Amino acid sequence: MDLQLGLFPDEVRAHTPASNGAAKGTTVGPAIVGEQALKLAARLPDSLRMGTSSWSFPGWNGLVYDHRASEASLARDGLAAYGAHPLLRTVGLDRTYYRPIPAEEFKKYAEAVPDSFRFLVKADRLTTSPFDPNGYGVRARNPLFLNPNYAADRVVGPLVEGLGAKAGPLLFQFPPIPPNLIGGRGRFVERLHRFTDALPKGVLYSIELRTPAFLTESYAQMLEATGAVHCFNVHPSMSPLSRQFEVVSPFYQRALVVRWMLHGALKYAAAKERYEPFDKIVDDDSESRERITVTVLDALIAERPVFVIANNKAEGSAPRSIFQLADRIGNWCTSTATGEPGAS
């Protein structure tokens, strides 16, 4: 496989700016999806939802969109086109990490996508940062850190009201935190347990750590007890996926949530510069892809819902990362249905 071109090369070539026929500045539409992608989507179970961490990237013309539109245009009008792609069944809402949004804005997102679509929403960082995230170097304590009342009123309530059945995981992403600054890892797990247990029921809560010291058996037991799930994440600041699986997998998880975020030792700014315009695989990470594939298959066999989010900075192009994951998983689904050995 040519990783520079990725899957569905004929479809990509057919939708370059020179040949798409859409006038610049018009409302963006979905890229034409060819027979290969449609057949692949049909092989994947409904319980598997994969997508990207956002949708407003001009370089995705031909992959997701029918012509090259501005970032502002895609942010405003691109979600409906994104949601029309049969292999993109979820998306991350990241803006909610910086400020909560009202139910009315969630409703607008929900109206743009099919009934089967689900959103992975980041919770307000005020719930996950022990220090004021707007302090600009001043380490003032954040009184809303792990405050379930604030989370219920400003985060969970609007999400449930606005997204309804289209709400997927609500992600609490914790930044790297020196354990000694919050009373040690045992104290953190205790506070996280109380916080998660006090949240409104009926929502899939997912916890993403960026502090390896917090990844303990006690943490995994807390997840099992509260019904929250670990977000398995590929990020240089976190333990390798193999270690995350080793610690968490022995304990029951009612769903699988994976975020494939950042390649190797790169920082976000360097990855952005290296990978823009995010239209091709630049640094193939087959190790993470295979690890994610195996874990997804295990969850599907156990009949658990699966959410996988890829970032452009994982390999260079989030849609292409998802398409290749879908291809690997689809091969297995086909071999299972026919009784043939899985494709390698």
Protein backbone atom coordinates (compact mmCIF):
# COMPACT_ATOMS: atom_id res chain seq x y z
CA MET A 1 0.00 0.00 0.00
CA ASP A 2 1.24 3.49 -0.90
CA LEU A 3 1.01 5.33 2.40
CA GLN A 4 1.46 8.66 0.65
CA LEU A 5 -1.81 8.00 -1.17
CA GLY A 6 -3.49 5.71 1.34
CA LEU A 7 -6.78 3.91 0.78
CA PHE A 8 -9.21 4.74 -1.99
CA PRO A 9 -6.60 6.47 -4.26
CA ASP A 10 -8.94 6.79 -7.25
CA GLU A 11 -11.46 8.68 -5.15
CA VAL A 12 -8.77 11.05 -3.88
CA ARG A 13 -7.46 11.79 -7.37
CA ALA A 14 -11.00 12.43 -8.57
CA HIS A 15 -11.50 15.23 -6.06
CA THR A 16 -8.46 17.44 -6.31
CA PRO A 17 -9.26 21.19 -6.47
CA ALA A 18 -8.61 21.19 -10.21
CA SER A 19 -11.35 18.67 -10.93
CA ASN A 20 -14.07 19.00 -8.30
CA GLY A 21 -16.27 21.48 -10.15
CA ALA A 22 -17.45 23.25 -6.98
CA ALA A 23 -17.13 26.99 -6.91
CA LYS A 24 -14.79 28.44 -4.33
CA GLY A 25 -16.71 29.83 -1.38
CA THR A 26 -19.83 27.70 -1.88
CA THR A 27 -21.16 25.58 0.97
CA VAL A 28 -18.96 22.56 1.35
CA GLY A 29 -20.40 19.18 0.48
CA PRO A 30 -19.27 15.61 1.10
CA ALA A 31 -16.61 14.00 -1.04
CA ILE A 32 -17.90 11.30 -3.33
CA VAL A 33 -17.44 7.92 -1.67
CA GLY A 34 -16.58 5.09 -4.02
CA GLU A 35 -17.68 1.49 -3.99
CA GLN A 36 -14.63 0.28 -2.05
CA ALA A 37 -15.34 2.56 0.91
CA LEU A 38 -19.06 1.77 0.85
CA LYS A 39 -18.41 -1.97 0.93
CA LEU A 40 -15.92 -1.50 3.76
CA ALA A 41 -18.41 0.53 5.79
CA ALA A 42 -21.06 -2.16 5.27
CA ARG A 43 -18.74 -4.77 6.80
CA LEU A 44 -18.23 -2.83 10.02
CA PRO A 45 -20.61 -3.39 12.95
CA ASP A 46 -22.92 -0.59 14.03
CA SER A 47 -21.35 -0.65 17.50
CA LEU A 48 -18.02 0.56 16.04
CA ARG A 49 -17.74 4.31 15.63
CA MET A 50 -14.51 5.84 14.39
CA GLY A 51 -13.71 9.42 13.49
CA THR A 52 -11.41 12.38 13.96
CA SER A 53 -10.78 14.85 16.76
CA SER A 54 -12.27 17.75 14.77
CA TRP A 55 -13.45 18.45 11.23
CA SER A 56 -12.32 21.93 10.07
CA PHE A 57 -9.24 21.13 7.93
CA PRO A 58 -9.05 22.48 4.36
CA GLY A 59 -6.53 19.78 3.40
CA TRP A 60 -9.25 17.14 3.65
CA ASN A 61 -10.76 18.11 0.30
CA GLY A 62 -11.27 14.93 -1.68
CA LEU A 63 -10.98 12.84 1.47
CA VAL A 64 -13.98 14.22 3.37
CA TYR A 65 -15.11 17.32 1.44
CA ASP A 66 -15.98 17.94 -2.19
CA HIS A 67 -13.78 21.02 -2.55
CA ARG A 68 -11.24 23.04 -0.65
CA ALA A 69 -12.99 25.41 1.74
CA SER A 70 -11.61 27.74 4.38
CA GLU A 71 -11.16 26.60 7.96
CA ALA A 72 -13.85 29.05 9.06
CA SER A 73 -16.28 27.72 6.46
CA LEU A 74 -15.63 24.13 7.49
CA ALA A 75 -16.03 24.95 11.17
CA ARG A 76 -19.40 26.51 10.36
CA ASP A 77 -20.74 24.25 7.60
CA GLY A 78 -18.49 21.19 7.36
CA LEU A 79 -20.01 18.91 9.98
CA ALA A 80 -22.92 17.77 7.80
CA ALA A 81 -20.52 16.84 5.00
CA TYR A 82 -18.23 15.09 7.49
CA GLY A 83 -21.15 13.13 8.94
CA ALA A 84 -22.15 11.93 5.47
CA HIS A 85 -18.98 9.84 5.15
CA PRO A 86 -19.88 6.21 5.93
CA LEU A 87 -16.57 5.54 7.72
CA LEU A 88 -16.76 8.64 9.95
CA ARG A 89 -19.39 7.82 12.55
CA THR A 90 -18.16 9.97 15.42
CA VAL A 91 -16.18 13.16 15.96
CA GLY A 92 -14.50 14.92 18.85
CA LEU A 93 -15.86 18.23 20.14
CA ASP A 94 -12.76 19.96 21.48
CA ARG A 95 -14.00 23.54 21.88
CA THR A 96 -15.90 22.47 24.99
CA TYR A 97 -12.55 21.87 26.70
CA TYR A 98 -11.92 25.61 26.85
CA ARG A 99 -15.40 26.83 27.66
CA PRO A 100 -18.76 25.11 28.18
CA ILE A 101 -21.34 25.61 25.44
CA PRO A 102 -25.12 25.85 25.92
CA ALA A 103 -27.61 23.16 24.96
CA GLU A 104 -28.73 25.20 21.93
CA GLU A 105 -25.29 24.88 20.33
CA PHE A 106 -25.18 21.16 21.01
CA LYS A 107 -28.58 20.88 19.31
CA LYS A 108 -27.23 22.53 16.16
CA TYR A 109 -24.43 19.96 16.02
CA ALA A 110 -26.87 17.11 16.55
CA GLU A 111 -29.16 18.34 13.76
CA ALA A 112 -26.28 18.24 11.27
CA VAL A 113 -25.54 14.51 11.50
CA PRO A 114 -27.37 11.18 10.99
CA ASP A 115 -29.25 9.48 13.81
CA SER A 116 -26.54 6.82 14.15
CA PHE A 117 -23.79 9.41 14.65
CA ARG A 118 -22.28 10.05 18.11
CA PHE A 119 -20.16 12.88 19.53
CA LEU A 120 -17.20 12.47 21.85
CA VAL A 121 -17.25 15.65 23.93
CA LYS A 122 -14.38 17.02 26.00
CA ALA A 123 -15.40 18.28 29.41
CA ASP A 124 -14.45 21.78 30.51
CA ARG A 125 -10.82 21.80 31.66
CA LEU A 126 -11.87 23.57 34.85
CA THR A 127 -13.09 20.17 36.02
CA THR A 128 -9.73 18.47 35.40
CA SER A 129 -7.02 21.03 36.19
CA PRO A 130 -6.00 21.41 39.85
CA PHE A 131 -4.65 24.88 39.05
CA ASP A 132 -6.30 27.76 37.24
CA PRO A 133 -5.72 26.95 33.54
CA ASN A 134 -6.00 30.65 32.73
CA GLY A 135 -3.42 31.65 35.34
CA TYR A 136 -0.54 32.15 32.87
CA GLY A 137 2.15 30.80 35.16
CA VAL A 138 0.47 31.70 38.45
CA ARG A 139 -0.25 28.41 40.21
CA ALA A 140 -3.50 29.50 41.82
CA ARG A 141 -5.67 26.66 43.04
CA ASN A 142 -8.73 25.92 40.93
CA PRO A 143 -11.81 25.55 43.18
CA LEU A 144 -13.73 23.78 40.40
CA PHE A 145 -11.25 20.91 40.10
CA LEU A 146 -13.21 17.65 40.43
CA ASN A 147 -16.30 19.59 41.47
CA PRO A 148 -19.28 17.37 40.56
CA ASN A 149 -21.87 20.13 41.03
CA TYR A 150 -20.17 22.38 38.48
CA ALA A 151 -19.70 19.46 36.10
CA ALA A 152 -23.33 18.40 36.39
CA ASP A 153 -24.73 21.90 35.84
CA ARG A 154 -22.37 23.35 33.23
CA VAL A 155 -21.06 20.27 31.41
CA VAL A 156 -23.34 17.25 31.69
CA GLY A 157 -26.71 19.00 31.70
CA PRO A 158 -26.31 21.00 28.46
CA LEU A 159 -24.73 18.00 26.71
CA VAL A 160 -27.62 15.67 27.56
CA GLU A 161 -30.26 18.25 26.70
CA GLY A 162 -28.62 19.29 23.45
CA LEU A 163 -27.25 16.05 21.99
CA GLY A 164 -29.78 13.59 23.39
CA ALA A 165 -29.25 10.14 21.87
CA LYS A 166 -26.34 11.44 19.80
CA ALA A 167 -24.18 11.93 22.90
CA GLY A 168 -21.22 9.54 23.01
CA PRO A 169 -18.50 9.57 25.65
CA LEU A 170 -17.98 12.63 27.82
CA LEU A 171 -14.21 12.83 28.13
CA PHE A 172 -12.45 14.19 31.20
CA GLN A 173 -8.91 14.83 29.96
CA PHE A 174 -6.48 15.40 32.83
CA PRO A 175 -3.26 17.27 32.08
CA PRO A 176 0.11 16.03 33.38
CA ILE A 177 -0.10 16.53 37.15
CA PRO A 178 2.81 16.03 39.58
CA PRO A 179 1.20 13.65 42.11
CA ASN A 180 2.79 15.36 45.12
CA LEU A 181 0.96 18.60 44.28
CA ILE A 182 -2.44 16.99 44.89
CA GLY A 183 -1.63 14.73 47.81
CA GLY A 184 -0.26 11.72 45.94
CA ARG A 185 -1.74 9.24 43.50
CA GLY A 186 -3.88 7.50 46.12
CA ARG A 187 -5.51 10.78 47.06
CA PHE A 188 -6.13 11.57 43.38
CA VAL A 189 -7.89 8.25 42.78
CA GLU A 190 -10.03 8.76 45.89
CA ARG A 191 -11.12 12.23 44.73
CA LEU A 192 -11.72 10.98 41.20
CA HIS A 193 -13.87 8.16 42.57
CA ARG A 194 -16.06 10.56 44.56
CA PHE A 195 -16.32 12.94 41.61
CA THR A 196 -17.28 10.29 39.06
CA ASP A 197 -19.69 8.57 41.41
CA ALA A 198 -21.52 11.87 42.04
CA LEU A 199 -22.08 12.70 38.36
CA PRO A 200 -25.54 12.24 36.80
CA LYS A 201 -26.21 8.69 35.66
CA GLY A 202 -26.92 7.59 32.12
CA VAL A 203 -23.85 9.16 30.47
CA LEU A 204 -20.72 7.31 29.37
CA TYR A 205 -17.89 9.02 31.25
CA SER A 206 -14.34 8.45 30.03
CA ILE A 207 -11.13 9.37 31.85
CA GLU A 208 -7.97 10.29 29.94
CA LEU A 209 -4.77 10.47 31.97
CA ARG A 210 -1.55 12.18 31.02
CA THR A 211 0.26 11.17 34.24
CA PRO A 212 1.63 7.59 34.13
CA ALA A 213 1.87 7.45 37.94
CA PHE A 214 -1.94 7.53 38.17
CA LEU A 215 -2.29 4.39 36.04
CA THR A 216 -2.64 1.88 38.87
CA GLU A 217 -4.77 -1.09 39.81
CA SER A 218 -6.65 1.19 42.22
CA TYR A 219 -7.49 3.49 39.34
CA ALA A 220 -8.78 0.56 37.26
CA GLN A 221 -10.85 -0.68 40.21
CA MET A 222 -12.33 2.80 40.59
CA LEU A 223 -13.41 2.76 36.95
CA GLU A 224 -15.09 -0.61 37.36
CA ALA A 225 -16.88 0.53 40.52
CA THR A 226 -18.24 3.76 39.03
CA GLY A 227 -18.96 2.58 35.48
CA ALA A 228 -16.59 5.11 33.95
CA VAL A 229 -14.10 3.89 31.33
CA HIS A 230 -10.47 4.57 30.67
CA CYS A 231 -9.61 6.43 27.47
CA PHE A 232 -6.71 4.53 25.95
CA ASN A 233 -4.58 7.26 24.45
CA VAL A 234 -1.52 7.43 22.25
CA HIS A 235 0.43 10.43 23.51
CA PRO A 236 4.13 10.85 24.44
CA SER A 237 3.27 12.05 27.94
CA MET A 238 1.33 8.89 28.76
CA SER A 239 2.34 5.26 29.28
CA PRO A 240 2.47 3.12 26.12
CA LEU A 241 -0.76 1.49 25.02
CA SER A 242 0.58 -1.91 26.04
CA ARG A 243 0.96 -0.71 29.64
CA GLN A 244 -2.49 0.90 29.68
CA PHE A 245 -4.05 -2.35 28.48
CA GLU A 246 -2.07 -4.38 31.01
CA VAL A 247 -3.38 -2.34 33.94
CA VAL A 248 -6.96 -1.65 32.86
CA SER A 249 -8.03 -4.64 30.76
CA PRO A 250 -8.40 -7.16 33.63
CA PHE A 251 -11.21 -4.98 34.99
CA TYR A 252 -14.62 -4.65 33.34
CA GLN A 253 -15.03 -1.76 30.92
CA ARG A 254 -18.53 -1.27 29.50
CA ALA A 255 -17.18 0.44 26.40
CA LEU A 256 -13.88 0.98 24.63
CA VAL A 257 -12.70 4.55 24.04
CA VAL A 258 -9.42 5.18 22.19
CA ARG A 259 -7.79 8.45 21.19
CA TRP A 260 -4.79 8.24 18.83
CA MET A 261 -3.34 11.69 19.37
CA LEU A 262 0.36 12.38 18.79
CA HIS A 263 3.21 10.55 17.12
CA GLY A 264 6.34 9.57 19.03
CA ALA A 265 8.27 12.30 20.82
CA LEU A 266 6.81 15.13 18.74
CA LYS A 267 5.16 18.13 20.32
CA TYR A 268 1.94 19.48 18.86
CA ALA A 269 3.50 22.57 17.27
CA ALA A 270 6.23 20.53 15.59
CA ALA A 271 3.72 17.93 14.40
CA LYS A 272 1.46 20.61 12.97
CA GLU A 273 4.32 22.12 10.99
CA ARG A 274 5.49 18.71 9.79
CA TYR A 275 2.07 17.33 8.79
CA GLU A 276 0.09 20.23 7.33
CA PRO A 277 -2.09 20.24 5.23
CA PHE A 278 -2.98 16.87 6.80
CA ASP A 279 -3.79 15.15 3.52
CA LYS A 280 -1.42 12.16 3.69
CA ILE A 281 0.29 9.75 6.05
CA VAL A 282 3.75 11.18 6.79
CA ASP A 283 4.97 9.05 9.72
CA ASP A 284 3.38 5.63 9.59
CA ASP A 285 2.72 4.27 13.10
CA SER A 286 1.87 0.66 12.30
CA GLU A 287 2.63 -0.42 15.87
CA SER A 288 -0.14 1.76 17.33
CA ARG A 289 -2.49 0.83 14.49
CA GLU A 290 -2.09 -2.89 15.14
CA ARG A 291 -2.41 -2.48 18.90
CA ILE A 292 -5.59 -0.46 18.47
CA THR A 293 -6.95 -2.96 15.93
CA VAL A 294 -6.48 -5.93 18.28
CA THR A 295 -8.09 -4.06 21.16
CA VAL A 296 -11.05 -2.99 19.03
CA LEU A 297 -11.59 -6.57 17.88
CA ASP A 298 -11.52 -7.82 21.48
CA ALA A 299 -14.18 -5.25 22.42
CA LEU A 300 -16.35 -6.14 19.42
CA ILE A 301 -16.17 -9.82 20.31
CA ALA A 302 -17.30 -8.88 23.82
CA GLU A 303 -20.17 -6.89 22.24
CA ARG A 304 -19.10 -3.59 23.76
CA PRO A 305 -19.55 -0.25 21.99
CA VAL A 306 -16.32 1.15 20.56
CA PHE A 307 -15.25 4.74 19.93
CA VAL A 308 -11.94 5.49 18.20
CA ILE A 309 -10.75 9.04 17.56
CA ALA A 310 -7.65 9.89 15.50
CA ASN A 311 -5.83 13.20 15.37
CA ASN A 312 -3.99 14.62 12.35
CA LYS A 313 -0.86 14.66 14.48
CA ALA A 314 -0.87 10.90 14.99
CA GLU A 315 0.45 10.08 11.52
CA GLY A 316 -0.23 13.13 9.36
CA SER A 317 -3.87 12.74 8.29
CA ALA A 318 -6.60 11.68 10.69
CA PRO A 319 -9.06 10.51 8.01
CA ARG A 320 -6.40 8.32 6.40
CA SER A 321 -5.50 6.87 9.81
CA ILE A 322 -9.16 5.98 10.33
CA PHE A 323 -9.54 4.56 6.82
CA GLN A 324 -6.57 2.25 7.37
CA LEU A 325 -7.90 1.14 10.76
CA ALA A 326 -11.27 0.48 9.17
CA ASP A 327 -9.61 -1.62 6.48
CA ARG A 328 -7.79 -3.77 9.04
CA ILE A 329 -10.92 -4.25 11.15
CA GLY A 330 -13.11 -4.82 8.10
CA ASN A 331 -10.83 -7.62 6.87
CA TRP A 332 -11.31 -9.40 10.18
CA CYS A 333 -15.09 -8.91 10.09
CA THR A 334 -15.19 -10.40 6.60
CA SER A 335 -13.05 -13.40 7.56
CA THR A 336 -15.24 -14.03 10.61
CA ALA A 337 -18.42 -13.93 8.55
CA THR A 338 -17.02 -16.33 5.92
CA GLY A 339 -15.06 -18.56 8.29
CA GLU A 340 -11.81 -17.80 6.49
CA PRO A 341 -8.54 -16.91 8.27
CA GLY A 342 -8.16 -13.17 8.96
CA ALA A 343 -6.19 -11.03 6.54
CA SER A 344 -2.72 -10.03 7.63
